[in-house]
Amino acid sequence: MPRGSTLAATQGGDAFTRSLRGRPPGPVAFYQRRRILIAATEAFAQGYDRTAVEDVVERAGVSRRTVYDLFDGKEAIFRAAHARALGALRRHLGGAGVVGDSEPARPDVSLAAMLVWAAAEPDPALLVFAPALVAGPQAALARERLFAVLGPSLGVAAPVRGAPLLIREALLGGLAELIAARLLSGDASSLPSLAAALARFIFAYHPAPGASTPVDAVRASVTATGG
């Protein structure tokens, strides 16, 4: 997927976003929207079905009318909160020097950066990695948005390395489930310690550059990660 279309897929389809096509909202609207999305991220971490718009209103400290002036409803709030969380992960990966679309990704570097972010930001990470729990009817779309980020970052995007779709889905889905399980158990701080083992797992199915076989890939990843 081209970078532009991937980014567009992460944009929330809310009233605020559509208003940008007309006149730009003022600074107050930007500030209120930011407060609402921070509050929504905390609320949705408890589960989509257990979260009501009123929960977001109370956490954000704004009026119900303000929320509905900026968003069409609960689903639009989630889409925008999910896009914000996924954008934060993208920025973290970029700041960590994870290789972009023009070169093969380094799974060990990508995983380490990703897990550090999840440990430091457990609520946004839950929105990103546990869509089945927190996304409700948005789960399938949220999962695809996540895979659009994880695939290229970990070098398992099908167009990049010719990965069979089933293996790609299993690798990325399994990784997301493992991270989500640690987040849900309150053990986010342990996530960075998993980077080396998970990198070896990814390399076993998708060899690093210069590794001709899965065995060579595992050996290379052990050397690279110090495992």
C-alpha atoms as a PDB file:
ATOM      1  CA  MET A   1       0.000   0.000   0.000  1.00  0.00           C
ATOM      2  CA  PRO A   2       1.443   3.415  -0.880  1.00  0.00           C
ATOM      3  CA  ARG A   3       2.464   5.571   2.042  1.00  0.00           C
ATOM      4  CA  GLY A   4      -0.229   8.139   1.261  1.00  0.00           C
ATOM      5  CA  SER A   5      -3.044   5.595   1.160  1.00  0.00           C
ATOM      6  CA  THR A   6      -1.821   3.911   4.332  1.00  0.00           C
ATOM      7  CA  LEU A   7      -1.818   7.228   6.121  1.00  0.00           C
ATOM      8  CA  ALA A   8      -5.256   8.050   4.767  1.00  0.00           C
ATOM      9  CA  ALA A   9      -6.546   4.734   6.077  1.00  0.00           C
ATOM     10  CA  THR A  10      -5.584   5.767   9.595  1.00  0.00           C
ATOM     11  CA  GLN A  11      -7.489   9.035   9.514  1.00  0.00           C
ATOM     12  CA  GLY A  12     -10.630   9.227  11.634  1.00  0.00           C
ATOM     13  CA  GLY A  13     -13.845   9.789   9.711  1.00  0.00           C
ATOM     14  CA  ASP A  14     -15.238  12.297  12.205  1.00  0.00           C
ATOM     15  CA  ALA A  15     -16.849  15.703  11.863  1.00  0.00           C
ATOM     16  CA  PHE A  16     -13.626  17.446  12.864  1.00  0.00           C
ATOM     17  CA  THR A  17     -11.654  15.781  10.071  1.00  0.00           C
ATOM     18  CA  ARG A  18     -14.305  16.641   7.507  1.00  0.00           C
ATOM     19  CA  SER A  19     -14.331  20.258   8.696  1.00  0.00           C
ATOM     20  CA  LEU A  20     -10.713  20.548   7.581  1.00  0.00           C
ATOM     21  CA  ARG A  21     -11.957  20.399   4.001  1.00  0.00           C
ATOM     22  CA  GLY A  22     -13.753  23.669   4.608  1.00  0.00           C
ATOM     23  CA  ARG A  23     -12.256  26.211   6.949  1.00  0.00           C
ATOM     24  CA  PRO A  24      -9.530  25.222   9.419  1.00  0.00           C
ATOM     25  CA  PRO A  25     -10.816  24.933  13.014  1.00  0.00           C
ATOM     26  CA  GLY A  26      -9.396  27.385  15.533  1.00  0.00           C
ATOM     27  CA  PRO A  27      -6.893  26.547  18.282  1.00  0.00           C
ATOM     28  CA  VAL A  28      -9.666  25.968  20.821  1.00  0.00           C
ATOM     29  CA  ALA A  29     -11.123  23.177  18.678  1.00  0.00           C
ATOM     30  CA  PHE A  30      -7.709  21.559  18.295  1.00  0.00           C
ATOM     31  CA  TYR A  31      -7.147  21.715  22.053  1.00  0.00           C
ATOM     32  CA  GLN A  32     -10.603  20.310  22.825  1.00  0.00           C
ATOM     33  CA  ARG A  33     -10.202  17.524  20.302  1.00  0.00           C
ATOM     34  CA  ARG A  34      -6.841  16.579  21.785  1.00  0.00           C
ATOM     35  CA  ARG A  35      -8.350  16.411  25.294  1.00  0.00           C
ATOM     36  CA  ILE A  36     -11.220  14.296  24.015  1.00  0.00           C
ATOM     37  CA  LEU A  37      -8.925  11.831  22.253  1.00  0.00           C
ATOM     38  CA  ILE A  38      -6.634  11.473  25.268  1.00  0.00           C
ATOM     39  CA  ALA A  39      -9.701  10.791  27.420  1.00  0.00           C
ATOM     40  CA  ALA A  40     -11.111   8.396  24.824  1.00  0.00           C
ATOM     41  CA  THR A  41      -7.851   6.444  24.697  1.00  0.00           C
ATOM     42  CA  GLU A  42      -8.034   5.892  28.455  1.00  0.00           C
ATOM     43  CA  ALA A  43     -11.738   4.999  28.309  1.00  0.00           C
ATOM     44  CA  PHE A  44     -11.530   2.596  25.369  1.00  0.00           C
ATOM     45  CA  ALA A  45      -8.667   0.756  27.062  1.00  0.00           C
ATOM     46  CA  GLN A  46     -11.383  -0.620  29.371  1.00  0.00           C
ATOM     47  CA  GLY A  47     -13.249  -2.063  26.361  1.00  0.00           C
ATOM     48  CA  TYR A  48     -15.301  -0.614  23.516  1.00  0.00           C
ATOM     49  CA  ASP A  49     -18.615  -2.055  24.682  1.00  0.00           C
ATOM     50  CA  ARG A  50     -18.032  -0.824  28.227  1.00  0.00           C
ATOM     51  CA  THR A  51     -17.324   2.717  27.080  1.00  0.00           C
ATOM     52  CA  ALA A  52     -20.033   5.303  26.494  1.00  0.00           C
ATOM     53  CA  VAL A  53     -19.716   8.814  25.119  1.00  0.00           C
ATOM     54  CA  GLU A  54     -20.510  10.049  28.638  1.00  0.00           C
ATOM     55  CA  ASP A  55     -17.373   8.323  29.915  1.00  0.00           C
ATOM     56  CA  VAL A  56     -15.308  10.284  27.426  1.00  0.00           C
ATOM     57  CA  VAL A  57     -17.129  13.517  28.313  1.00  0.00           C
ATOM     58  CA  GLU A  58     -16.392  13.062  32.024  1.00  0.00           C
ATOM     59  CA  ARG A  59     -12.745  12.137  31.511  1.00  0.00           C
ATOM     60  CA  ALA A  60     -12.147  14.995  29.067  1.00  0.00           C
ATOM     61  CA  GLY A  61     -13.861  17.615  31.219  1.00  0.00           C
ATOM     62  CA  VAL A  62     -15.790  19.041  28.275  1.00  0.00           C
ATOM     63  CA  SER A  63     -19.483  19.282  27.521  1.00  0.00           C
ATOM     64  CA  ARG A  64     -21.422  16.636  25.647  1.00  0.00           C
ATOM     65  CA  ARG A  65     -22.251  19.264  23.043  1.00  0.00           C
ATOM     66  CA  THR A  66     -18.541  19.934  22.479  1.00  0.00           C
ATOM     67  CA  VAL A  67     -17.929  16.246  21.838  1.00  0.00           C
ATOM     68  CA  TYR A  68     -20.758  16.050  19.314  1.00  0.00           C
ATOM     69  CA  ASP A  69     -19.649  19.272  17.654  1.00  0.00           C
ATOM     70  CA  LEU A  70     -16.333  17.564  16.882  1.00  0.00           C
ATOM     71  CA  PHE A  71     -17.364  13.926  16.385  1.00  0.00           C
ATOM     72  CA  ASP A  72     -20.353  12.113  14.926  1.00  0.00           C
ATOM     73  CA  GLY A  73     -20.517   9.623  17.787  1.00  0.00           C
ATOM     74  CA  LYS A  74     -18.756   6.811  19.599  1.00  0.00           C
ATOM     75  CA  GLU A  75     -17.448   5.029  16.488  1.00  0.00           C
ATOM     76  CA  ALA A  76     -16.012   8.265  15.088  1.00  0.00           C
ATOM     77  CA  ILE A  77     -14.306   8.963  18.424  1.00  0.00           C
ATOM     78  CA  PHE A  78     -12.749   5.501  18.395  1.00  0.00           C
ATOM     79  CA  ARG A  79     -11.544   5.843  14.798  1.00  0.00           C
ATOM     80  CA  ALA A  80      -9.854   9.138  15.623  1.00  0.00           C
ATOM     81  CA  ALA A  81      -8.360   7.804  18.886  1.00  0.00           C
ATOM     82  CA  HIS A  82      -7.067   4.714  17.103  1.00  0.00           C
ATOM     83  CA  ALA A  83      -5.558   6.837  14.320  1.00  0.00           C
ATOM     84  CA  ARG A  84      -3.879   9.033  16.930  1.00  0.00           C
ATOM     85  CA  ALA A  85      -2.415   6.005  18.758  1.00  0.00           C
ATOM     86  CA  LEU A  86      -1.209   4.411  15.544  1.00  0.00           C
ATOM     87  CA  GLY A  87       0.307   7.720  14.486  1.00  0.00           C
ATOM     88  CA  ALA A  88       2.191   7.863  17.776  1.00  0.00           C
ATOM     89  CA  LEU A  89       3.603   4.394  17.103  1.00  0.00           C
ATOM     90  CA  ARG A  90       4.630   5.439  13.595  1.00  0.00           C
ATOM     91  CA  ARG A  91       6.414   8.516  14.932  1.00  0.00           C
ATOM     92  CA  HIS A  92       8.187   6.449  17.581  1.00  0.00           C
ATOM     93  CA  LEU A  93       9.390   3.954  14.980  1.00  0.00           C
ATOM     94  CA  GLY A  94      10.595   6.811  12.800  1.00  0.00           C
ATOM     95  CA  GLY A  95      12.382   8.472  15.692  1.00  0.00           C
ATOM     96  CA  ALA A  96      14.060   5.184  16.562  1.00  0.00           C
ATOM     97  CA  GLY A  97      15.569   5.024  13.089  1.00  0.00           C
ATOM     98  CA  VAL A  98      13.498   2.082  11.859  1.00  0.00           C
ATOM     99  CA  VAL A  99      14.171   1.705   8.140  1.00  0.00           C
ATOM    100  CA  GLY A 100      11.369   2.939   5.908  1.00  0.00           C
ATOM    101  CA  ASP A 101       9.751   1.675   2.717  1.00  0.00           C
ATOM    102  CA  SER A 102      12.835   2.066   0.505  1.00  0.00           C
ATOM    103  CA  GLU A 103      14.978  -0.544   2.303  1.00  0.00           C
ATOM    104  CA  PRO A 104      14.354  -3.854   4.075  1.00  0.00           C
ATOM    105  CA  ALA A 105      13.262  -3.407   7.651  1.00  0.00           C
ATOM    106  CA  ARG A 106      15.287  -4.728  10.576  1.00  0.00           C
ATOM    107  CA  PRO A 107      12.845  -6.792  12.660  1.00  0.00           C
ATOM    108  CA  ASP A 108      15.069  -6.679  15.730  1.00  0.00           C
ATOM    109  CA  VAL A 109      15.288  -2.877  15.658  1.00  0.00           C
ATOM    110  CA  SER A 110      11.598  -2.497  14.820  1.00  0.00           C
ATOM    111  CA  LEU A 111      10.468  -4.875  17.544  1.00  0.00           C
ATOM    112  CA  ALA A 112      12.653  -3.301  20.194  1.00  0.00           C
ATOM    113  CA  ALA A 113      11.314   0.172  19.378  1.00  0.00           C
ATOM    114  CA  MET A 114       7.737  -1.075  19.214  1.00  0.00           C
ATOM    115  CA  LEU A 115       7.902  -2.842  22.571  1.00  0.00           C
ATOM    116  CA  VAL A 116       9.531   0.124  24.293  1.00  0.00           C
ATOM    117  CA  TRP A 117       6.661   2.301  23.044  1.00  0.00           C
ATOM    118  CA  ALA A 118       4.011  -0.190  24.205  1.00  0.00           C
ATOM    119  CA  ALA A 119       5.591  -0.422  27.649  1.00  0.00           C
ATOM    120  CA  ALA A 120       5.685   3.366  27.999  1.00  0.00           C
ATOM    121  CA  GLU A 121       2.205   3.998  26.539  1.00  0.00           C
ATOM    122  CA  PRO A 122       0.004   1.057  27.580  1.00  0.00           C
ATOM    123  CA  ASP A 123      -3.376   2.726  26.918  1.00  0.00           C
ATOM    124  CA  PRO A 124      -2.633   3.777  23.319  1.00  0.00           C
ATOM    125  CA  ALA A 125      -0.914   0.418  22.823  1.00  0.00           C
ATOM    126  CA  LEU A 126      -4.097  -1.399  23.826  1.00  0.00           C
ATOM    127  CA  LEU A 127      -6.024   0.476  21.150  1.00  0.00           C
ATOM    128  CA  VAL A 128      -3.396  -0.541  18.625  1.00  0.00           C
ATOM    129  CA  PHE A 129      -2.671  -4.144  19.609  1.00  0.00           C
ATOM    130  CA  ALA A 130      -5.971  -5.380  21.083  1.00  0.00           C
ATOM    131  CA  PRO A 131      -8.638  -4.330  18.577  1.00  0.00           C
ATOM    132  CA  ALA A 132     -10.790  -7.376  19.294  1.00  0.00           C
ATOM    133  CA  LEU A 133     -11.213  -6.138  22.866  1.00  0.00           C
ATOM    134  CA  VAL A 134     -11.301  -2.382  22.523  1.00  0.00           C
ATOM    135  CA  ALA A 135     -12.596  -1.752  19.001  1.00  0.00           C
ATOM    136  CA  GLY A 136     -15.999  -3.439  18.963  1.00  0.00           C
ATOM    137  CA  PRO A 137     -17.403  -3.203  15.421  1.00  0.00           C
ATOM    138  CA  GLN A 138     -14.229  -1.414  14.330  1.00  0.00           C
ATOM    139  CA  ALA A 139     -12.031  -4.427  15.129  1.00  0.00           C
ATOM    140  CA  ALA A 140     -11.445  -5.648  11.580  1.00  0.00           C
ATOM    141  CA  LEU A 141     -10.544  -2.198  10.280  1.00  0.00           C
ATOM    142  CA  ALA A 142      -8.312  -1.501  13.278  1.00  0.00           C
ATOM    143  CA  ARG A 143      -6.503  -4.794  12.688  1.00  0.00           C
ATOM    144  CA  GLU A 144      -5.828  -3.950   9.050  1.00  0.00           C
ATOM    145  CA  ARG A 145      -4.536  -0.501  10.008  1.00  0.00           C
ATOM    146  CA  LEU A 146      -2.164  -2.134  12.483  1.00  0.00           C
ATOM    147  CA  PHE A 147      -0.924  -4.684   9.935  1.00  0.00           C
ATOM    148  CA  ALA A 148      -0.298  -1.851   7.460  1.00  0.00           C
ATOM    149  CA  VAL A 149       2.222  -0.495   9.975  1.00  0.00           C
ATOM    150  CA  LEU A 150       3.650  -3.765  11.293  1.00  0.00           C
ATOM    151  CA  GLY A 151       4.143  -5.504   7.943  1.00  0.00           C
ATOM    152  CA  PRO A 152       6.593  -3.027   6.403  1.00  0.00           C
ATOM    153  CA  SER A 153       8.243  -2.307   9.768  1.00  0.00           C
ATOM    154  CA  LEU A 154       8.980  -5.980  10.383  1.00  0.00           C
ATOM    155  CA  GLY A 155       9.751  -6.883   6.788  1.00  0.00           C
ATOM    156  CA  VAL A 156       6.821  -9.288   6.417  1.00  0.00           C
ATOM    157  CA  ALA A 157       4.619  -7.257   4.100  1.00  0.00           C
ATOM    158  CA  ALA A 158       3.664  -9.612   1.272  1.00  0.00           C
ATOM    159  CA  PRO A 159       4.709  -7.250  -1.564  1.00  0.00           C
ATOM    160  CA  VAL A 160       8.135  -6.737   0.000  1.00  0.00           C
ATOM    161  CA  ARG A 161       9.289 -10.312   0.591  1.00  0.00           C
ATOM    162  CA  GLY A 162       6.686 -12.410  -1.157  1.00  0.00           C
ATOM    163  CA  ALA A 163       5.317 -13.701   2.146  1.00  0.00           C
ATOM    164  CA  PRO A 164       2.336 -16.036   1.811  1.00  0.00           C
ATOM    165  CA  LEU A 165      -0.744 -14.273   3.137  1.00  0.00           C
ATOM    166  CA  LEU A 166      -1.481 -16.956   5.755  1.00  0.00           C
ATOM    167  CA  ILE A 167       2.015 -16.752   7.246  1.00  0.00           C
ATOM    168  CA  ARG A 168       1.879 -12.953   7.237  1.00  0.00           C
ATOM    169  CA  GLU A 169      -1.456 -12.972   9.050  1.00  0.00           C
ATOM    170  CA  ALA A 170      -0.240 -15.554  11.570  1.00  0.00           C
ATOM    171  CA  LEU A 171       2.998 -13.700  12.323  1.00  0.00           C
ATOM    172  CA  LEU A 172       1.470 -10.264  12.691  1.00  0.00           C
ATOM    173  CA  GLY A 173      -1.657 -11.510  14.457  1.00  0.00           C
ATOM    174  CA  GLY A 174       0.354 -13.610  16.874  1.00  0.00           C
ATOM    175  CA  LEU A 175       2.667 -10.716  17.645  1.00  0.00           C
ATOM    176  CA  ALA A 176      -0.276  -8.401  18.300  1.00  0.00           C
ATOM    177  CA  GLU A 177      -1.950 -10.974  20.558  1.00  0.00           C
ATOM    178  CA  LEU A 178       1.198 -11.523  22.595  1.00  0.00           C
ATOM    179  CA  ILE A 179       1.709  -7.803  23.145  1.00  0.00           C
ATOM    180  CA  ALA A 180      -1.976  -7.357  23.976  1.00  0.00           C
ATOM    181  CA  ALA A 181      -1.845 -10.194  26.531  1.00  0.00           C
ATOM    182  CA  ARG A 182       1.057  -8.544  28.377  1.00  0.00           C
ATOM    183  CA  LEU A 183      -0.727  -5.184  28.315  1.00  0.00           C
ATOM    184  CA  LEU A 184      -3.985  -6.654  29.607  1.00  0.00           C
ATOM    185  CA  SER A 185      -2.208  -8.483  32.414  1.00  0.00           C
ATOM    186  CA  GLY A 186      -0.615  -5.238  33.589  1.00  0.00           C
ATOM    187  CA  ASP A 187       2.828  -6.521  32.642  1.00  0.00           C
ATOM    188  CA  ALA A 188       3.677  -3.875  30.043  1.00  0.00           C
ATOM    189  CA  SER A 189       7.089  -3.233  31.585  1.00  0.00           C
ATOM    190  CA  SER A 190       8.271  -6.706  30.537  1.00  0.00           C
ATOM    191  CA  LEU A 191       7.623  -6.109  26.823  1.00  0.00           C
ATOM    192  CA  PRO A 192      11.065  -4.713  25.868  1.00  0.00           C
ATOM    193  CA  SER A 193      12.734  -7.871  27.186  1.00  0.00           C
ATOM    194  CA  LEU A 194      10.905  -9.921  24.529  1.00  0.00           C
ATOM    195  CA  ALA A 195      12.476  -8.122  21.575  1.00  0.00           C
ATOM    196  CA  ALA A 196      15.358 -10.535  20.919  1.00  0.00           C
ATOM    197  CA  ALA A 197      13.243 -13.695  21.102  1.00  0.00           C
ATOM    198  CA  LEU A 198      10.526 -12.232  18.896  1.00  0.00           C
ATOM    199  CA  ALA A 199      13.096 -11.022  16.378  1.00  0.00           C
ATOM    200  CA  ARG A 200      14.454 -14.570  16.121  1.00  0.00           C
ATOM    201  CA  PHE A 201      10.918 -15.807  15.512  1.00  0.00           C
ATOM    202  CA  ILE A 202      10.302 -13.276  12.739  1.00  0.00           C
ATOM    203  CA  PHE A 203      13.689 -13.980  11.131  1.00  0.00           C
ATOM    204  CA  ALA A 204      12.985 -17.713  11.133  1.00  0.00           C
ATOM    205  CA  TYR A 205      10.123 -17.196   8.692  1.00  0.00           C
ATOM    206  CA  HIS A 206      11.462 -14.134   6.889  1.00  0.00           C
ATOM    207  CA  PRO A 207      15.246 -14.301   6.561  1.00  0.00           C
ATOM    208  CA  ALA A 208      17.281 -11.180   7.124  1.00  0.00           C
ATOM    209  CA  PRO A 209      19.251  -9.832   4.155  1.00  0.00           C
ATOM    210  CA  GLY A 210      22.168 -12.174   3.473  1.00  0.00           C
ATOM    211  CA  ALA A 211      20.595 -15.146   5.298  1.00  0.00           C
ATOM    212  CA  SER A 212      19.809 -17.830   2.736  1.00  0.00           C
ATOM    213  CA  THR A 213      17.867 -20.198   4.983  1.00  0.00           C
ATOM    214  CA  PRO A 214      15.732 -19.950   8.129  1.00  0.00           C
ATOM    215  CA  VAL A 215      18.589 -21.540  10.105  1.00  0.00           C
ATOM    216  CA  ASP A 216      21.014 -18.891   8.836  1.00  0.00           C
ATOM    217  CA  ALA A 217      18.420 -16.242   9.640  1.00  0.00           C
ATOM    218  CA  VAL A 218      18.083 -17.416  13.221  1.00  0.00           C
ATOM    219  CA  ARG A 219      21.860 -17.506  13.645  1.00  0.00           C
ATOM    220  CA  ALA A 220      22.119 -13.980  12.198  1.00  0.00           C
ATOM    221  CA  SER A 221      19.409 -12.688  14.494  1.00  0.00           C
ATOM    222  CA  VAL A 222      21.070 -14.234  17.555  1.00  0.00           C
ATOM    223  CA  THR A 223      24.275 -12.432  16.658  1.00  0.00           C
ATOM    224  CA  ALA A 224      22.493  -9.154  15.888  1.00  0.00           C
ATOM    225  CA  THR A 225      20.422  -9.117  19.072  1.00  0.00           C
ATOM    226  CA  GLY A 226      23.025 -10.612  21.375  1.00  0.00           C
ATOM    227  CA  GLY A 227      20.659 -13.464  22.281  1.00  0.00           C
END
